Amino acid sequence: MIVSQCLSNRDQRVPPELTRDQLEEELKKELHIIENSKRVLKDVCNMGWEKIKDLTNVLCRLEREIRNKDETLDLEYHVKDLTRDSSDISFKLHPTRIPPHTITEINYVECIENTVKIAESLMSESKNLRETMFRSREQARNQMYAQCQTVEMVMRRRVYDIQRGRNEMEWQKYKLETNMQKVDREIESLRAAVADKINPTKLVETRLETRTRRPVLERVDDKPMRGLIEEFERVHLSHSKLEKKLEDALTTYHGMYNHHERLTRDLQHKNQALETDRRLIEIRKPLHAPDDTQFKRNVGYCHMKDELVPE
């Protein structure tokens, strides 16, 4: 019942955590041991009931034989006590007749010995059967106890592994959120820098456009014109670099955001799997003795009994 409940409870895990691990194998092995022990003990119990039925039949036969012999002894004592002066003696019709179903003395002795042998044989068989029942019971108890200890140890190791993985994912999530904040601040600074390049770009383009309206004879490729062109190229190159950095920063931020979403989803699945396996400890509490605390079980699992200071 409890093992089946544990397996059903573990089936509630979401697909990313729904794996065939060692704990599931040990639980299935424990269920197999319990079912096999139930079958063996059921067979032994059936053998015991059959033996009880045979013993009851022999007991009834012995009781009937004892009653018959008591009646025979009473008759024999009565015959022995008869004398010539007894009041209940008389002539009888054909007293030498042999009653029906009369057996010989040899058969009589053989019948008694056969009954005794059957009783002794059944008692010997019942003794062997009791030993078999005791051995089967203790073997089933030892197997279930050993497998229960194995399941407990694997279950606690599984909880520890999931908790360690959960903690690692939380640390990764924390570092990712910190980096996302840094990238977000960098994106804001890049956007501000791109915005700062708008007016210088407008200024240099306006200056160049205004100089194109000079009279024909004044349209000279002079030093100011060349300086404005260099400034135009420098401003546009700086603007392009800032746009490229902003685009790369946004791509990085979106990748980090998607990874953060996957990490958050995986963390929820990990917490659900951790809670599911922790619930197994509560489900399996009835399998332990009332004085068997969790501390005592941990000491047994870690083999630290000899290292503790005696109370």
Protein backbone atom coordinates (compact mmCIF):
# COMPACT_ATOMS: atom_id res chain seq x y z
CA MET A 1 0.00 0.00 0.00
CA ILE A 2 2.67 2.52 1.03
CA VAL A 3 5.08 1.52 -1.76
CA SER A 4 2.32 1.79 -4.36
CA GLN A 5 1.41 5.20 -2.97
CA CYS A 6 5.05 6.27 -3.26
CA LEU A 7 5.18 5.19 -6.90
CA SER A 8 1.88 6.94 -7.66
CA ASN A 9 3.11 10.08 -5.92
CA ARG A 10 6.31 10.13 -8.01
CA ASP A 11 4.23 9.87 -11.20
CA GLN A 12 2.95 13.39 -10.46
CA ARG A 13 6.29 14.89 -11.51
CA VAL A 14 6.29 17.02 -14.64
CA PRO A 15 7.89 15.52 -17.80
CA PRO A 16 11.32 17.22 -17.51
CA GLU A 17 11.76 15.59 -14.09
CA LEU A 18 9.86 12.38 -14.90
CA THR A 19 12.94 10.17 -15.22
CA ARG A 20 13.68 6.54 -14.46
CA ASP A 21 16.17 6.90 -11.65
CA GLN A 22 17.60 4.56 -9.03
CA LEU A 23 14.88 5.47 -6.51
CA GLU A 24 12.15 4.29 -8.87
CA GLU A 25 14.02 1.03 -9.49
CA GLU A 26 14.46 0.43 -5.76
CA LEU A 27 10.78 1.19 -5.09
CA LYS A 28 9.73 -1.26 -7.79
CA LYS A 29 12.15 -3.81 -6.35
CA GLU A 30 10.65 -3.27 -2.90
CA LEU A 31 7.16 -3.75 -4.33
CA HIS A 32 8.31 -6.96 -6.04
CA ILE A 33 9.82 -8.25 -2.76
CA ILE A 34 6.59 -7.47 -0.89
CA GLU A 35 4.42 -9.20 -3.48
CA ASN A 36 6.75 -12.20 -3.59
CA SER A 37 6.79 -12.40 0.22
CA LYS A 38 2.99 -12.22 0.29
CA ARG A 39 2.79 -15.08 -2.20
CA VAL A 40 5.29 -17.22 -0.26
CA LEU A 41 3.60 -16.54 3.09
CA LYS A 42 0.19 -17.21 1.55
CA ASP A 43 1.41 -20.58 0.27
CA VAL A 44 2.89 -21.40 3.66
CA CYS A 45 -0.36 -20.40 5.38
CA ASN A 46 -2.33 -22.63 3.03
CA MET A 47 0.04 -25.48 3.86
CA GLY A 48 -0.51 -24.73 7.54
CA TRP A 49 -4.29 -24.80 7.18
CA GLU A 50 -4.07 -28.11 5.31
CA LYS A 51 -1.84 -29.50 8.04
CA ILE A 52 -4.25 -28.29 10.73
CA LYS A 53 -7.06 -30.05 8.89
CA ASP A 54 -5.05 -33.29 8.77
CA LEU A 55 -4.13 -32.96 12.45
CA THR A 56 -7.79 -32.32 13.33
CA ASN A 57 -8.83 -35.47 11.46
CA VAL A 58 -6.19 -37.54 13.26
CA LEU A 59 -7.17 -35.97 16.58
CA CYS A 60 -10.80 -36.92 16.00
CA ARG A 61 -9.68 -40.43 15.07
CA LEU A 62 -7.56 -40.70 18.21
CA GLU A 63 -10.38 -39.41 20.39
CA ARG A 64 -12.75 -41.95 18.83
CA GLU A 65 -10.21 -44.73 19.39
CA ILE A 66 -9.72 -43.65 23.00
CA ARG A 67 -13.49 -43.62 23.62
CA ASN A 68 -13.78 -47.06 22.08
CA LYS A 69 -10.98 -48.40 24.21
CA ASP A 70 -12.49 -46.84 27.35
CA GLU A 71 -15.76 -48.56 26.58
CA THR A 72 -13.91 -51.82 25.91
CA LEU A 73 -12.04 -51.49 29.21
CA ASP A 74 -15.31 -50.94 31.05
CA LEU A 75 -16.75 -54.08 29.45
CA GLU A 76 -13.64 -56.10 30.20
CA TYR A 77 -13.63 -54.95 33.85
CA HIS A 78 -17.30 -55.84 34.09
CA VAL A 79 -16.64 -59.30 32.63
CA LYS A 80 -13.74 -59.75 35.00
CA ASP A 81 -15.88 -58.83 38.02
CA LEU A 82 -18.64 -61.36 37.15
CA THR A 83 -18.86 -64.41 39.45
CA ARG A 84 -21.16 -67.41 39.88
CA ASP A 85 -23.15 -65.49 42.40
CA SER A 86 -23.63 -62.36 40.29
CA SER A 87 -27.23 -61.35 39.85
CA ASP A 88 -26.99 -60.38 36.17
CA ILE A 89 -25.77 -63.70 34.81
CA SER A 90 -28.15 -65.80 32.66
CA PHE A 91 -28.35 -68.18 29.75
CA LYS A 92 -27.69 -66.57 26.38
CA LEU A 93 -28.71 -67.59 22.86
CA HIS A 94 -25.68 -68.69 20.85
CA PRO A 95 -23.05 -66.84 22.91
CA THR A 96 -20.15 -68.22 20.87
CA ARG A 97 -21.15 -66.37 17.74
CA ILE A 98 -18.61 -63.94 16.18
CA PRO A 99 -20.05 -60.42 15.68
CA PRO A 100 -19.78 -58.88 12.21
CA HIS A 101 -16.73 -56.72 11.33
CA THR A 102 -14.63 -58.61 13.85
CA ILE A 103 -10.90 -58.41 13.11
CA THR A 104 -8.02 -60.55 14.21
CA GLU A 105 -5.71 -59.61 17.03
CA ILE A 106 -2.86 -58.99 14.58
CA ASN A 107 -4.99 -56.59 12.55
CA TYR A 108 -6.10 -54.93 15.77
CA VAL A 109 -2.50 -54.30 16.82
CA GLU A 110 -1.58 -53.14 13.31
CA CYS A 111 -4.52 -50.71 13.30
CA ILE A 112 -3.39 -49.18 16.59
CA GLU A 113 0.22 -48.94 15.44
CA ASN A 114 -0.87 -47.39 12.14
CA THR A 115 -2.91 -44.74 13.92
CA VAL A 116 0.02 -43.93 16.22
CA LYS A 117 2.41 -43.79 13.25
CA ILE A 118 0.10 -41.42 11.36
CA ALA A 119 -0.15 -39.15 14.40
CA GLU A 120 3.62 -39.16 14.93
CA SER A 121 4.25 -38.53 11.23
CA LEU A 122 1.84 -35.60 11.17
CA MET A 123 3.41 -34.14 14.32
CA SER A 124 6.85 -34.44 12.76
CA GLU A 125 5.60 -32.83 9.56
CA SER A 126 3.90 -30.08 11.53
CA LYS A 127 7.16 -29.38 13.37
CA ASN A 128 9.00 -29.08 10.07
CA LEU A 129 6.19 -26.89 8.75
CA ARG A 130 6.45 -24.61 11.78
CA GLU A 131 10.18 -24.27 11.14
CA THR A 132 9.44 -23.50 7.50
CA MET A 133 6.84 -20.91 8.51
CA PHE A 134 9.25 -19.29 10.96
CA ARG A 135 12.05 -19.29 8.39
CA SER A 136 9.80 -17.86 5.66
CA ARG A 137 8.46 -15.18 8.00
CA GLU A 138 11.90 -14.11 9.18
CA GLN A 139 13.33 -14.23 5.67
CA ALA A 140 10.50 -12.05 4.35
CA ARG A 141 10.93 -9.65 7.27
CA ASN A 142 14.69 -9.40 6.76
CA GLN A 143 14.35 -8.90 3.00
CA MET A 144 11.73 -6.18 3.40
CA TYR A 145 13.73 -4.47 6.15
CA ALA A 146 16.94 -4.51 4.09
CA GLN A 147 15.14 -3.20 1.00
CA CYS A 148 13.37 -0.57 3.10
CA GLN A 149 16.73 0.66 4.37
CA THR A 150 18.07 0.74 0.80
CA VAL A 151 15.06 2.73 -0.39
CA GLU A 152 15.42 5.17 2.50
CA MET A 153 19.09 5.76 1.74
CA VAL A 154 18.52 6.16 -2.02
CA MET A 155 15.53 8.43 -1.35
CA ARG A 156 17.55 10.74 0.89
CA ARG A 157 20.41 10.77 -1.62
CA ARG A 158 17.91 11.66 -4.34
CA VAL A 159 16.49 14.51 -2.25
CA TYR A 160 20.02 15.74 -1.60
CA ASP A 161 20.93 15.64 -5.31
CA ILE A 162 17.75 17.48 -6.32
CA GLN A 163 18.28 20.08 -3.61
CA ARG A 164 21.89 20.59 -4.67
CA GLY A 165 20.78 20.98 -8.30
CA ARG A 166 18.05 23.39 -7.20
CA ASN A 167 20.56 25.49 -5.25
CA GLU A 168 22.91 25.55 -8.23
CA MET A 169 20.07 26.70 -10.49
CA GLU A 170 19.09 29.41 -8.01
CA TRP A 171 22.69 30.64 -7.95
CA GLN A 172 22.78 30.67 -11.75
CA LYS A 173 19.48 32.55 -11.79
CA TYR A 174 20.87 35.11 -9.36
CA LYS A 175 24.02 35.63 -11.43
CA LEU A 176 21.94 35.83 -14.62
CA GLU A 177 19.65 38.47 -13.10
CA THR A 178 22.71 40.45 -11.97
CA ASN A 179 24.20 40.31 -15.48
CA MET A 180 20.83 41.25 -16.99
CA GLN A 181 20.76 44.34 -14.80
CA LYS A 182 24.27 45.27 -15.96
CA VAL A 183 23.33 44.74 -19.61
CA ASP A 184 20.15 46.74 -19.10
CA ARG A 185 22.14 49.65 -17.70
CA GLU A 186 24.57 49.34 -20.61
CA ILE A 187 21.65 49.41 -23.07
CA GLU A 188 20.32 52.56 -21.44
CA SER A 189 23.74 54.22 -21.66
CA LEU A 190 24.07 53.18 -25.33
CA ARG A 191 20.63 54.55 -26.12
CA ALA A 192 21.58 57.79 -24.41
CA ALA A 193 24.84 57.88 -26.42
CA VAL A 194 22.92 57.25 -29.68
CA ALA A 195 20.51 60.02 -28.73
CA ASP A 196 23.45 62.33 -28.06
CA LYS A 197 24.71 61.71 -31.61
CA ILE A 198 21.48 62.94 -33.21
CA ASN A 199 22.06 66.67 -32.87
CA PRO A 200 25.76 66.54 -33.94
CA THR A 201 24.68 64.54 -37.00
CA LYS A 202 21.95 67.05 -37.79
CA LEU A 203 24.40 69.90 -37.30
CA VAL A 204 27.07 68.57 -39.65
CA GLU A 205 24.49 67.57 -42.28
CA THR A 206 22.81 70.97 -42.04
CA ARG A 207 26.17 72.73 -42.45
CA LEU A 208 27.03 70.65 -45.47
CA GLU A 209 23.60 71.18 -47.01
CA THR A 210 23.76 74.92 -46.35
CA ARG A 211 27.17 75.20 -48.04
CA THR A 212 25.79 73.59 -51.17
CA ARG A 213 23.64 76.71 -51.69
CA ARG A 214 26.68 78.95 -52.22
CA PRO A 215 26.92 80.81 -55.56
CA VAL A 216 28.56 78.92 -58.37
CA LEU A 217 31.80 80.84 -58.29
CA GLU A 218 31.95 80.39 -54.50
CA ARG A 219 31.51 76.64 -54.52
CA VAL A 220 35.09 75.83 -53.61
CA ASP A 221 36.33 72.54 -52.15
CA ASP A 222 38.15 74.36 -49.42
CA LYS A 223 39.48 73.34 -46.04
CA PRO A 224 36.18 73.93 -44.15
CA MET A 225 34.39 71.74 -46.70
CA ARG A 226 36.88 68.96 -46.23
CA GLY A 227 36.69 69.34 -42.43
CA LEU A 228 32.89 69.11 -42.52
CA ILE A 229 33.07 65.98 -44.68
CA GLU A 230 35.55 64.38 -42.26
CA GLU A 231 33.35 65.37 -39.33
CA PHE A 232 30.30 63.91 -41.17
CA GLU A 233 32.13 60.61 -41.71
CA ARG A 234 33.41 60.55 -38.15
CA VAL A 235 29.97 61.26 -36.68
CA HIS A 236 28.26 58.63 -38.87
CA LEU A 237 30.96 56.06 -38.09
CA SER A 238 30.58 56.68 -34.37
CA HIS A 239 26.79 56.50 -34.71
CA SER A 240 27.04 53.21 -36.64
CA LYS A 241 29.32 51.71 -34.01
CA LEU A 242 26.96 52.76 -31.24
CA GLU A 243 24.01 51.28 -33.15
CA LYS A 244 25.96 48.03 -33.63
CA LYS A 245 26.85 47.88 -29.94
CA LEU A 246 23.24 48.62 -29.01
CA GLU A 247 22.00 45.88 -31.34
CA ASP A 248 24.51 43.40 -29.89
CA ALA A 249 23.54 44.40 -26.35
CA LEU A 250 19.84 43.94 -27.15
CA THR A 251 20.54 40.53 -28.72
CA THR A 252 22.52 39.52 -25.63
CA TYR A 253 19.77 40.79 -23.36
CA HIS A 254 17.07 38.90 -25.25
CA GLY A 255 19.16 35.72 -25.12
CA MET A 256 19.70 36.17 -21.40
CA TYR A 257 15.99 36.87 -20.93
CA ASN A 258 15.02 33.69 -22.79
CA HIS A 259 17.55 31.71 -20.77
CA HIS A 260 16.16 33.29 -17.61
CA GLU A 261 12.65 32.15 -18.58
CA ARG A 262 13.86 28.59 -19.21
CA LEU A 263 15.83 28.62 -15.96
CA THR A 264 12.80 29.87 -14.02
CA ARG A 265 10.63 27.17 -15.57
CA ASP A 266 13.22 24.47 -14.86
CA LEU A 267 13.56 25.76 -11.30
CA GLN A 268 9.80 25.41 -10.79
CA HIS A 269 9.98 21.84 -12.10
CA LYS A 270 12.94 21.13 -9.81
CA ASN A 271 11.07 22.49 -6.77
CA GLN A 272 8.03 20.39 -7.66
CA ALA A 273 10.19 17.26 -7.98
CA LEU A 274 11.91 18.09 -4.67
CA GLU A 275 8.58 18.52 -2.91
CA THR A 276 7.33 15.26 -4.44
CA ASP A 277 10.33 13.26 -3.21
CA ARG A 278 10.21 14.97 0.20
CA ARG A 279 6.60 13.87 0.50
CA LEU A 280 7.80 10.26 0.27
CA ILE A 281 9.50 10.66 3.66
CA GLU A 282 6.15 11.57 5.22
CA ILE A 283 4.38 8.74 3.40
CA ARG A 284 6.91 6.16 4.65
CA LYS A 285 6.78 7.27 8.31
CA PRO A 286 4.36 4.44 9.29
CA LEU A 287 7.07 1.93 8.29
CA HIS A 288 9.28 3.06 11.17
CA ALA A 289 8.97 2.40 14.88
CA PRO A 290 7.61 5.24 17.06
CA ASP A 291 10.99 5.72 18.77
CA ASP A 292 12.90 5.53 15.47
CA THR A 293 13.61 9.23 14.95
CA GLN A 294 15.10 10.79 11.84
CA PHE A 295 18.34 11.49 13.70
CA LYS A 296 18.74 7.81 14.59
CA ARG A 297 18.08 6.81 10.99
CA ASN A 298 20.65 9.33 9.73
CA VAL A 299 23.21 7.96 12.18
CA GLY A 300 22.51 4.46 10.89
CA TYR A 301 22.73 5.50 7.24
CA CYS A 302 26.07 7.25 7.78
CA HIS A 303 27.50 4.48 10.02
CA MET A 304 28.44 7.06 12.69
CA LYS A 305 27.18 5.19 15.76
CA ASP A 306 30.71 4.43 16.99
CA GLU A 307 31.82 8.03 16.48
CA LEU A 308 29.17 9.60 18.72
CA VAL A 309 29.77 10.37 22.39
CA PRO A 310 27.66 7.97 24.51
CA GLU A 311 24.90 9.58 26.56
